[in-house]
Protein backbone atom coordinates (compact mmCIF):
# COMPACT_ATOMS: atom_id res chain seq x y z
CA MET A 1 0.11 0.03 -0.09
CA ASP A 2 1.31 3.39 -0.95
CA LEU A 3 1.40 5.67 1.90
CA ARG A 4 2.94 8.58 0.04
CA PRO A 5 1.27 11.93 0.74
CA LYS A 6 -1.18 13.00 -2.30
CA CYS A 7 -1.15 16.23 -4.40
CA HIS A 8 -3.78 17.44 -6.65
CA ILE A 9 -3.34 20.33 -9.10
CA GLU A 10 -6.04 22.21 -11.32
CA THR A 11 -5.16 23.78 -14.45
CA TYR A 12 -6.79 26.62 -16.01
CA GLY A 13 -6.17 28.15 -19.24
CA CYS A 14 -3.54 27.36 -22.00
CA GLN A 15 -0.97 24.70 -22.87
CA MET A 16 1.69 26.76 -21.27
CA ASN A 17 -0.27 26.42 -18.00
CA GLU A 18 -0.55 22.92 -18.37
CA ASN A 19 3.20 22.60 -18.85
CA ASP A 20 3.71 24.75 -15.55
CA SER A 21 1.63 22.38 -13.77
CA GLU A 22 3.55 19.28 -14.98
CA ILE A 23 6.74 21.04 -13.61
CA LEU A 24 4.93 21.82 -10.33
CA LEU A 25 4.12 18.13 -10.21
CA ALA A 26 7.62 16.89 -10.98
CA TYR A 27 8.70 19.43 -7.94
CA LEU A 28 6.25 17.68 -5.81
CA GLU A 29 7.12 13.99 -6.83
CA GLU A 30 10.62 15.04 -5.92
CA LEU A 31 9.40 16.02 -2.48
CA GLY A 32 7.91 12.66 -2.19
CA TYR A 33 4.23 13.22 -3.19
CA GLU A 34 1.82 11.17 -5.39
CA SER A 35 -0.47 12.76 -7.76
CA SER A 36 -4.35 12.50 -7.10
CA MET A 37 -7.27 12.91 -9.48
CA SER A 38 -9.42 13.76 -6.48
CA VAL A 39 -9.32 16.98 -4.28
CA ALA A 40 -11.00 14.98 -1.55
CA ASP A 41 -8.00 12.83 -0.55
CA ALA A 42 -5.35 15.27 -1.39
CA ASP A 43 -2.94 16.61 1.19
CA VAL A 44 -1.75 19.56 -1.30
CA VAL A 45 -4.16 21.47 -3.64
CA LEU A 46 -2.63 23.82 -6.07
CA LEU A 47 -4.66 26.03 -8.38
CA ASN A 48 -2.66 26.89 -11.52
CA THR A 49 -4.64 30.03 -12.76
CA CYS A 50 -5.36 32.05 -15.73
CA CYS A 51 -6.52 35.49 -16.37
CA VAL A 52 -7.08 35.84 -20.34
CA ARG A 53 -10.80 35.92 -19.80
CA GLU A 54 -13.10 36.82 -16.82
CA SER A 55 -14.52 33.27 -16.94
CA ALA A 56 -11.29 31.92 -16.07
CA GLU A 57 -10.86 33.89 -12.93
CA ASP A 58 -14.71 33.19 -11.87
CA LYS A 59 -13.78 29.48 -11.88
CA VAL A 60 -10.91 29.88 -9.59
CA TYR A 61 -13.11 32.01 -7.16
CA GLY A 62 -15.72 29.23 -7.07
CA LYS A 63 -12.97 26.66 -6.31
CA LEU A 64 -11.52 28.65 -3.49
CA GLY A 65 -15.06 29.05 -2.01
CA GLU A 66 -14.93 24.89 -2.15
CA LEU A 67 -11.61 24.60 -0.64
CA LYS A 68 -12.36 27.00 2.29
CA LEU A 69 -15.14 24.42 3.59
CA MET A 70 -12.45 21.78 2.91
CA LYS A 71 -9.93 23.50 5.00
CA ALA A 72 -12.20 24.25 7.99
CA GLU A 73 -12.56 20.24 8.07
CA ARG A 74 -8.97 19.53 7.50
CA PRO A 75 -6.88 22.59 8.56
CA GLU A 76 -3.61 20.34 7.93
CA LEU A 77 -4.57 20.61 3.80
CA VAL A 78 -1.96 22.89 2.12
CA VAL A 79 -3.62 25.16 -0.53
CA GLY A 80 -1.77 27.02 -3.18
CA ILE A 81 -2.51 29.57 -5.99
CA ALA A 82 -0.14 29.91 -8.75
CA GLY A 83 -0.10 31.11 -12.44
CA CYS A 84 -1.17 34.16 -14.30
CA MET A 85 -4.09 35.40 -12.36
CA THR A 86 -1.65 36.04 -9.06
CA GLN A 87 0.92 37.85 -11.40
CA GLN A 88 -1.36 40.85 -12.09
CA PRO A 89 -0.55 43.87 -9.93
CA GLY A 90 -1.95 43.70 -6.60
CA VAL A 91 -4.06 40.52 -7.33
CA GLY A 92 -1.80 38.07 -5.26
CA GLU A 93 -1.83 40.09 -2.13
CA GLY A 94 -5.48 40.72 -2.48
CA LEU A 95 -6.34 36.98 -2.71
CA ALA A 96 -4.05 36.38 0.42
CA ARG A 97 -6.32 39.05 2.22
CA ARG A 98 -9.66 37.73 0.97
CA TYR A 99 -8.65 34.09 1.51
CA PRO A 100 -6.38 33.86 4.33
CA PHE A 101 -6.71 30.07 4.61
CA VAL A 102 -4.67 29.91 1.39
CA ASN A 103 -0.94 29.01 2.35
CA LEU A 104 0.86 29.87 -0.68
CA VAL A 105 0.31 32.55 -3.42
CA MET A 106 2.96 32.74 -6.36
CA GLY A 107 3.27 34.09 -9.71
CA THR A 108 4.61 32.99 -13.04
CA HIS A 109 7.95 34.45 -12.71
CA ASN A 110 9.31 32.46 -9.77
CA LEU A 111 7.92 28.94 -10.65
CA HIS A 112 11.79 27.63 -10.24
CA ARG A 113 11.38 28.60 -6.37
CA PHE A 114 8.34 26.47 -5.91
CA PRO A 115 10.23 23.91 -3.34
CA GLU A 116 11.47 26.74 -1.36
CA LEU A 117 8.24 28.79 -1.18
CA PHE A 118 6.17 25.35 -0.61
CA ALA A 119 8.53 24.62 2.47
CA GLN A 120 7.94 28.22 3.99
CA ALA A 121 4.27 27.80 3.41
CA ARG A 122 3.83 24.34 5.26
CA THR A 123 5.20 25.86 8.36
CA SER A 124 4.03 29.41 8.14
CA THR A 125 0.83 30.62 10.19
CA VAL A 126 0.18 33.34 7.53
CA PRO A 127 -0.09 33.02 3.62
CA VAL A 128 3.36 32.96 1.81
CA VAL A 129 3.06 35.60 -0.86
CA ASP A 130 5.78 35.85 -3.33
CA VAL A 131 5.16 37.45 -6.83
CA ALA A 132 8.17 38.50 -8.68
CA ALA A 133 8.01 41.77 -10.56
CA GLU A 134 10.12 40.86 -13.44
CA PRO A 135 11.23 37.46 -14.80
CA GLU A 136 14.92 36.40 -14.12
CA ALA A 137 16.95 34.60 -16.75
CA MET A 138 15.50 31.62 -18.33
CA PRO A 139 15.63 29.04 -15.41
CA ILE A 140 16.09 25.32 -15.78
CA PHE A 141 13.26 23.15 -14.56
CA PRO A 142 12.64 19.44 -13.80
CA ARG A 143 11.27 17.76 -16.82
CA GLY A 144 7.38 17.79 -16.49
CA VAL A 145 5.43 14.81 -15.69
CA ARG A 146 2.77 13.93 -18.16
CA GLU A 147 0.27 11.04 -17.95
CA GLY A 148 0.40 8.69 -20.76
CA GLY A 149 3.98 9.32 -21.97
CA ILE A 150 2.97 9.27 -25.84
CA THR A 151 3.14 13.02 -26.23
CA ALA A 152 4.86 15.75 -24.39
CA TRP A 153 5.02 19.73 -24.10
CA VAL A 154 8.53 21.29 -24.65
CA THR A 155 8.54 24.84 -23.66
CA ILE A 156 11.02 26.74 -26.00
CA LEU A 157 10.39 30.26 -24.80
CA ARG A 158 8.40 32.23 -22.28
CA GLY A 159 7.07 35.60 -22.30
CA CYS A 160 5.76 37.94 -25.19
CA ASP A 161 6.88 41.24 -26.40
CA LYS A 162 3.90 41.99 -28.42
CA ARG A 163 1.35 44.36 -26.92
CA CYS A 164 -1.92 43.76 -28.34
CA THR A 165 -4.37 46.12 -26.67
CA TYR A 166 -6.61 43.21 -25.44
CA CYS A 167 -3.98 40.81 -23.91
CA ILE A 168 -2.89 40.54 -20.55
CA VAL A 169 -0.15 38.15 -21.14
CA PRO A 170 2.84 40.38 -21.63
CA TYR A 171 2.06 41.66 -18.32
CA VAL A 172 1.96 38.41 -16.55
CA ARG A 173 4.22 36.32 -18.37
CA GLY A 174 6.98 39.11 -19.12
CA ARG A 175 9.25 39.61 -21.90
CA GLU A 176 10.37 36.97 -24.39
CA MET A 177 13.16 34.59 -23.32
CA SER A 178 14.42 31.62 -25.39
CA ARG A 179 15.81 28.32 -24.01
CA PRO A 180 19.33 27.66 -25.83
CA LEU A 181 18.58 25.33 -28.87
CA ALA A 182 21.03 22.67 -27.37
CA GLU A 183 19.03 22.39 -24.32
CA ILE A 184 15.76 22.07 -26.03
CA ARG A 185 17.20 19.17 -28.43
CA GLY A 186 18.66 17.19 -25.11
CA GLU A 187 15.16 17.36 -23.39
CA VAL A 188 13.44 16.11 -26.78
CA GLU A 189 16.08 13.24 -27.14
CA GLN A 190 15.54 12.18 -23.64
CA LEU A 191 11.83 12.35 -24.08
CA VAL A 192 12.28 9.78 -27.12
CA ARG A 193 14.34 7.72 -25.03
CA ASP A 194 11.54 7.49 -22.46
CA GLY A 195 8.91 6.50 -25.16
CA VAL A 196 7.45 9.75 -26.35
CA ARG A 197 6.52 9.78 -30.06
CA GLU A 198 5.25 13.49 -30.32
CA VAL A 199 6.22 16.73 -28.92
CA THR A 200 4.59 20.24 -28.98
CA LEU A 201 6.95 22.91 -28.72
CA LEU A 202 5.43 25.87 -26.52
CA GLY A 203 5.39 29.60 -26.26
CA GLN A 204 3.48 32.54 -26.26
CA ASN A 205 4.78 33.42 -29.65
CA VAL A 206 6.92 30.50 -30.94
CA ASN A 207 7.86 32.41 -34.14
CA ALA A 208 10.02 34.97 -31.92
CA TYR A 209 12.27 32.02 -30.65
CA GLY A 210 15.85 33.00 -30.65
CA LYS A 211 15.42 36.56 -31.13
CA ASP A 212 16.78 37.28 -27.85
CA LEU A 213 19.67 34.78 -28.19
CA GLY A 214 21.76 37.08 -30.62
CA ASP A 215 22.97 34.38 -32.85
CA ASP A 216 21.53 32.02 -35.59
CA GLN A 217 19.15 30.09 -33.46
CA GLY A 218 15.71 31.09 -34.99
CA PHE A 219 12.56 29.02 -35.14
CA ALA A 220 13.37 27.56 -38.55
CA THR A 221 16.66 26.42 -37.24
CA LEU A 222 15.39 24.77 -34.13
CA ILE A 223 12.61 22.82 -36.08
CA ARG A 224 15.31 21.75 -38.60
CA ALA A 225 17.62 20.41 -35.58
CA LEU A 226 14.68 18.62 -34.03
CA ASP A 227 13.37 16.87 -37.15
CA ARG A 228 16.78 15.21 -37.24
CA VAL A 229 16.12 13.54 -33.75
CA ASP A 230 16.09 9.77 -34.27
CA GLY A 231 12.97 8.08 -33.09
CA LEU A 232 10.62 11.23 -32.96
CA GLU A 233 7.71 10.83 -35.07
CA ARG A 234 5.74 14.12 -34.88
CA ILE A 235 6.62 17.81 -33.94
CA ARG A 236 3.86 20.28 -33.31
CA TYR A 237 4.02 24.07 -32.01
CA THR A 238 1.75 26.47 -30.64
CA THR A 239 1.01 29.49 -30.75
CA SER A 240 2.18 31.13 -33.78
CA HIS A 241 1.82 34.92 -34.34
CA PRO A 242 1.23 35.93 -37.87
CA ARG A 243 3.43 38.99 -37.79
CA ASP A 244 6.49 36.93 -37.02
CA PHE A 245 5.63 33.81 -39.44
CA THR A 246 8.37 34.18 -42.06
CA GLN A 247 9.03 32.49 -45.34
CA GLU A 248 11.94 30.63 -44.03
CA MET A 249 9.70 29.11 -41.40
CA ILE A 250 7.34 28.10 -43.83
CA GLU A 251 10.04 26.49 -46.08
CA ALA A 252 11.53 24.56 -43.02
CA ILE A 253 8.08 23.26 -42.33
CA ALA A 254 7.25 22.16 -45.81
CA THR A 255 10.72 20.45 -46.15
CA SER A 256 10.78 18.67 -42.64
CA ARG A 257 9.74 14.87 -42.33
CA HIS A 258 8.29 15.35 -38.94
CA VAL A 259 6.71 18.49 -38.48
CA CYS A 260 3.19 18.19 -38.81
CA GLU A 261 0.89 19.62 -41.71
CA HIS A 262 -0.92 22.03 -39.20
CA PHE A 263 -0.89 25.61 -38.81
CA HIS A 264 -2.59 27.37 -35.90
CA VAL A 265 -2.35 31.21 -37.03
CA PRO A 266 -4.59 33.46 -34.98
CA VAL A 267 -6.05 36.16 -37.02
CA GLN A 268 -8.63 37.62 -34.34
CA SER A 269 -10.53 39.59 -36.75
CA GLY A 270 -11.25 40.20 -40.44
CA SER A 271 -11.57 43.94 -40.13
CA PRO A 272 -8.72 46.04 -41.00
CA HIS A 273 -9.99 48.71 -38.55
CA MET A 274 -10.11 46.19 -35.80
CA LEU A 275 -6.87 44.84 -36.41
CA LYS A 276 -5.29 48.21 -36.13
CA ARG A 277 -7.21 48.86 -32.94
CA MET A 278 -5.95 45.51 -31.74
CA ALA A 279 -2.44 46.46 -32.54
CA ARG A 280 -2.08 43.10 -34.27
CA GLY A 281 0.78 44.50 -36.39
CA TYR A 282 -0.16 43.21 -39.67
CA THR A 283 -3.18 43.95 -42.27
CA ARG A 284 -5.70 41.81 -43.53
CA GLU A 285 -4.07 41.67 -46.93
CA ARG A 286 -0.78 40.65 -45.19
CA TYR A 287 -2.76 37.67 -43.39
CA VAL A 288 -4.36 36.48 -46.45
CA ASP A 289 -0.96 36.36 -48.10
CA LEU A 290 0.57 34.49 -45.40
CA ILE A 291 -2.30 31.87 -45.60
CA GLU A 292 -1.73 31.50 -49.27
CA ARG A 293 1.88 31.05 -49.12
CA ILE A 294 1.20 28.36 -46.63
CA ARG A 295 -1.37 26.47 -48.90
CA ARG A 296 1.01 26.57 -51.82
CA ALA A 297 4.10 25.46 -49.85
CA VAL A 298 2.11 22.63 -48.00
CA PRO A 299 -0.73 21.21 -49.91
CA GLY A 300 -3.33 19.58 -47.68
CA ALA A 301 -2.41 21.47 -44.57
CA SER A 302 -4.91 22.44 -41.97
CA ILE A 303 -5.17 25.80 -41.01
CA THR A 304 -7.03 27.06 -37.70
CA THR A 305 -7.39 30.23 -36.03
CA ASP A 306 -8.48 32.49 -33.16
CA LEU A 307 -11.45 34.87 -33.41
CA ILE A 308 -12.52 37.60 -31.34
CA VAL A 309 -16.07 39.19 -31.48
CA GLY A 310 -17.06 42.63 -29.70
CA PHE A 311 -14.04 44.15 -29.45
CA PRO A 312 -14.61 47.78 -28.46
CA GLY A 313 -15.77 49.88 -31.57
CA GLU A 314 -16.59 46.73 -33.58
CA SER A 315 -19.41 47.89 -36.16
CA GLU A 316 -21.83 45.26 -37.95
CA GLN A 317 -19.45 46.14 -41.09
CA ASP A 318 -16.51 45.12 -38.99
CA PHE A 319 -18.26 41.93 -38.05
CA ALA A 320 -19.50 41.13 -41.60
CA GLU A 321 -15.88 41.54 -42.68
CA THR A 322 -14.71 38.69 -40.07
CA LEU A 323 -17.46 36.53 -41.59
CA GLU A 324 -16.30 36.97 -44.90
CA LEU A 325 -12.86 36.50 -44.10
CA CYS A 326 -13.71 32.94 -42.65
CA ARG A 327 -15.75 32.10 -46.04
CA GLN A 328 -12.72 33.35 -48.02
CA LEU A 329 -10.07 31.08 -46.29
CA ARG A 330 -12.23 28.42 -45.01
CA PHE A 331 -10.48 27.47 -41.85
CA ASP A 332 -10.51 24.03 -40.90
CA LYS A 333 -11.49 25.13 -37.28
CA SER A 334 -11.97 28.33 -35.55
CA PHE A 335 -11.73 28.84 -31.81
CA THR A 336 -14.36 31.80 -31.10
CA PHE A 337 -14.45 34.05 -28.04
CA MET A 338 -16.21 37.31 -26.99
CA PHE A 339 -14.03 40.21 -26.09
CA SER A 340 -13.38 40.13 -22.20
CA PRO A 341 -11.90 43.61 -20.93
CA ARG A 342 -8.81 42.75 -18.81
CA ARG A 343 -7.85 45.14 -16.02
CA GLY A 344 -4.51 47.05 -17.03
CA THR A 345 -5.06 46.48 -20.75
CA PRO A 346 -5.52 49.57 -23.22
CA ALA A 347 -8.72 47.92 -24.58
CA ALA A 348 -10.42 47.76 -21.21
CA ASP A 349 -10.83 51.62 -21.23
CA PHE A 350 -11.29 52.01 -25.15
CA PRO A 351 -14.56 54.03 -26.06
CA GLY A 352 -17.23 51.97 -27.82
CA GLN A 353 -17.50 48.99 -25.31
CA ILE A 354 -20.05 46.53 -26.93
CA PRO A 355 -23.11 45.40 -24.86
CA LEU A 356 -23.08 41.91 -23.60
CA ALA A 357 -26.14 41.01 -25.69
CA VAL A 358 -24.81 41.99 -28.79
CA LYS A 359 -21.42 40.03 -28.46
CA LYS A 360 -23.48 36.98 -27.65
CA GLU A 361 -25.42 37.60 -30.94
CA ARG A 362 -22.41 38.22 -32.63
CA LEU A 363 -20.61 34.94 -31.39
CA ALA A 364 -23.68 32.82 -32.32
CA ARG A 365 -23.53 34.09 -35.68
CA LEU A 366 -20.00 33.22 -36.11
CA ILE A 367 -20.04 29.75 -34.62
CA GLU A 368 -22.89 29.11 -37.30
CA VAL A 369 -20.46 30.06 -40.01
CA THR A 370 -17.36 28.47 -38.73
CA ASP A 371 -18.87 25.14 -37.59
CA ALA A 372 -20.12 24.83 -40.94
CA LEU A 373 -16.76 25.28 -42.60
CA SER A 374 -15.40 22.62 -39.94
CA LEU A 375 -17.88 20.20 -40.96
CA ALA A 376 -17.28 20.87 -44.55
CA ALA A 377 -13.66 20.22 -43.95
CA ASN A 378 -14.23 17.04 -42.06
CA ARG A 379 -16.11 15.69 -44.89
CA ARG A 380 -13.49 15.86 -47.16
CA ALA A 381 -11.91 13.05 -44.96
CA LEU A 382 -14.66 10.69 -45.70
CA GLY A 383 -13.23 7.45 -47.28
CA GLN A 384 -9.81 8.56 -46.92
CA THR A 385 -7.01 6.72 -45.21
CA VAL A 386 -5.19 8.71 -42.62
CA GLU A 387 -2.23 8.28 -40.37
CA VAL A 388 -3.11 8.58 -36.70
CA LEU A 389 -1.16 8.49 -33.53
CA GLY A 390 -2.96 6.68 -30.83
CA GLU A 391 -2.96 8.92 -27.68
CA GLY A 392 -4.97 6.79 -25.32
CA VAL A 393 -8.56 5.32 -24.84
CA SER A 394 -11.49 7.57 -25.94
CA LYS A 395 -13.24 9.00 -22.90
CA LYS A 396 -16.57 8.11 -24.56
CA ASN A 397 -15.85 4.47 -25.46
CA GLY A 398 -13.58 2.26 -23.37
CA GLU A 399 -13.23 -0.04 -26.39
CA ARG A 400 -12.02 2.61 -28.62
CA LEU A 401 -8.81 4.46 -29.00
CA MET A 402 -8.53 8.20 -29.46
CA GLY A 403 -5.54 9.65 -31.75
CA ARG A 404 -4.85 12.46 -34.00
CA THR A 405 -3.61 13.22 -37.63
CA ARG A 406 -0.98 14.82 -38.57
CA GLN A 407 -3.37 17.78 -39.58
CA ASN A 408 -4.47 17.63 -35.86
CA GLN A 409 -8.03 16.25 -36.47
CA PRO A 410 -9.20 13.89 -33.60
CA VAL A 411 -9.93 10.36 -34.59
CA VAL A 412 -11.74 7.60 -32.75
CA TYR A 413 -11.21 4.21 -33.87
CA PRO A 414 -11.07 0.43 -32.40
CA GLY A 415 -8.32 -0.34 -30.51
CA THR A 416 -6.72 -1.40 -27.09
CA PRO A 417 -4.86 0.76 -24.49
CA GLY A 418 -1.63 -1.47 -25.43
CA GLN A 419 -2.01 0.13 -28.93
CA ALA A 420 -1.66 3.67 -27.64
CA GLY A 421 1.78 5.31 -29.01
CA ARG A 422 1.57 3.46 -32.20
CA LEU A 423 0.97 4.78 -35.72
CA ALA A 424 -2.08 3.31 -37.46
CA LEU A 425 -3.70 3.79 -40.81
CA VAL A 426 -7.56 4.57 -40.39
CA ARG A 427 -9.94 4.79 -43.10
CA ILE A 428 -12.69 7.43 -42.24
CA LYS A 429 -16.07 6.17 -42.10
CA SER A 430 -18.01 9.14 -40.49
CA VAL A 431 -17.30 12.49 -39.17
CA ASN A 432 -19.01 15.36 -37.22
CA THR A 433 -18.12 18.99 -36.78
CA TRP A 434 -14.92 18.13 -34.42
CA THR A 435 -14.17 14.36 -34.58
CA LEU A 436 -13.75 11.95 -37.24
CA GLU A 437 -14.47 7.79 -36.75
CA GLY A 438 -12.76 5.21 -38.70
CA GLU A 439 -11.52 1.70 -38.73
CA ILE A 440 -7.94 0.45 -38.97
CA VAL A 441 -7.00 -0.78 -42.47
């Protein structure tokens, strides 16, 4: 019987936060803790938070209400809050005052200090609050623990130097800092030796990789180097910024063996006026040209995007231009959001804030268009045989596996848990808006 103490980490937000949670779990395992899926039997509960949208913060406040009751029944429970939400000016200290039962509040810039801060929090009678104002030099972290072991995140840089007027990320993640290429390659080689078949390179803006290193270590150079790692089947990356997506990067991806034919290129709006107010740094015409160059270089690639509706000042004509761009470029999938004002960003104080009812109505119309395009894209796969990397058992059917094509389309097909991690050729029999289903050939 395993008598190790248990820890439970709840993650909110993006893949970078998921990777940070894996690092936190690695630290806790080094300290002798075992991961638990349940809050109820955990000795330590960590909330790794997000602040990109208000809804993410609301979920954290709701969870803290639950933990307050648990802490009253089990005073020995250690509760910690980390991540982007706490990094906002004054928020970490405010959380400690509002929720004095919390043991630890830390930000995004001092993740590497977690063992030290955790030790303090376990013995302190008041909340330990440590939110660094600026990121230090890129620290070395323990390799994150990821369930399954087939795929893995690999952080290549942290932070963002862009200043999109709606985005809180540069303020809570700091300036761009890249990891040395040799260090990244070494981590990937070790992951492959441990059985990982696919890595996803992470950064707030992966296309900016290497700009701060002062030598020829750009993103194109990095993916060419990783493409030569023996035993690695697939390379993915997220997120790209259209402003920094160069022709050299497109050509490096097109000529690689293992970089997947999936480009997630957030456009945010089809309106030239909105793009300028968002400070995205590119025009509609430049974005369309980028997508056309990608499709010429990588035929059959899937193109996905992010879209925001209801940005301050957005007119019906601006919104119509977004719908028109979607129909013109026929994105394979679109991730759609209502504008959520974030305190401390310029757009939060822009005139022309859009009423919630209008934002909801526009979002519904946008989803109707983008879902139809996604379904049409998936229907093109009917009858085709595609390469799928099995990631694990389907959550909805224990007798089937879930995997992804190189174009990042989820596929459900017959298989056993022992077949996870293998490449399979699957003939697609049916599709819906988000998923393909098929049989192994």
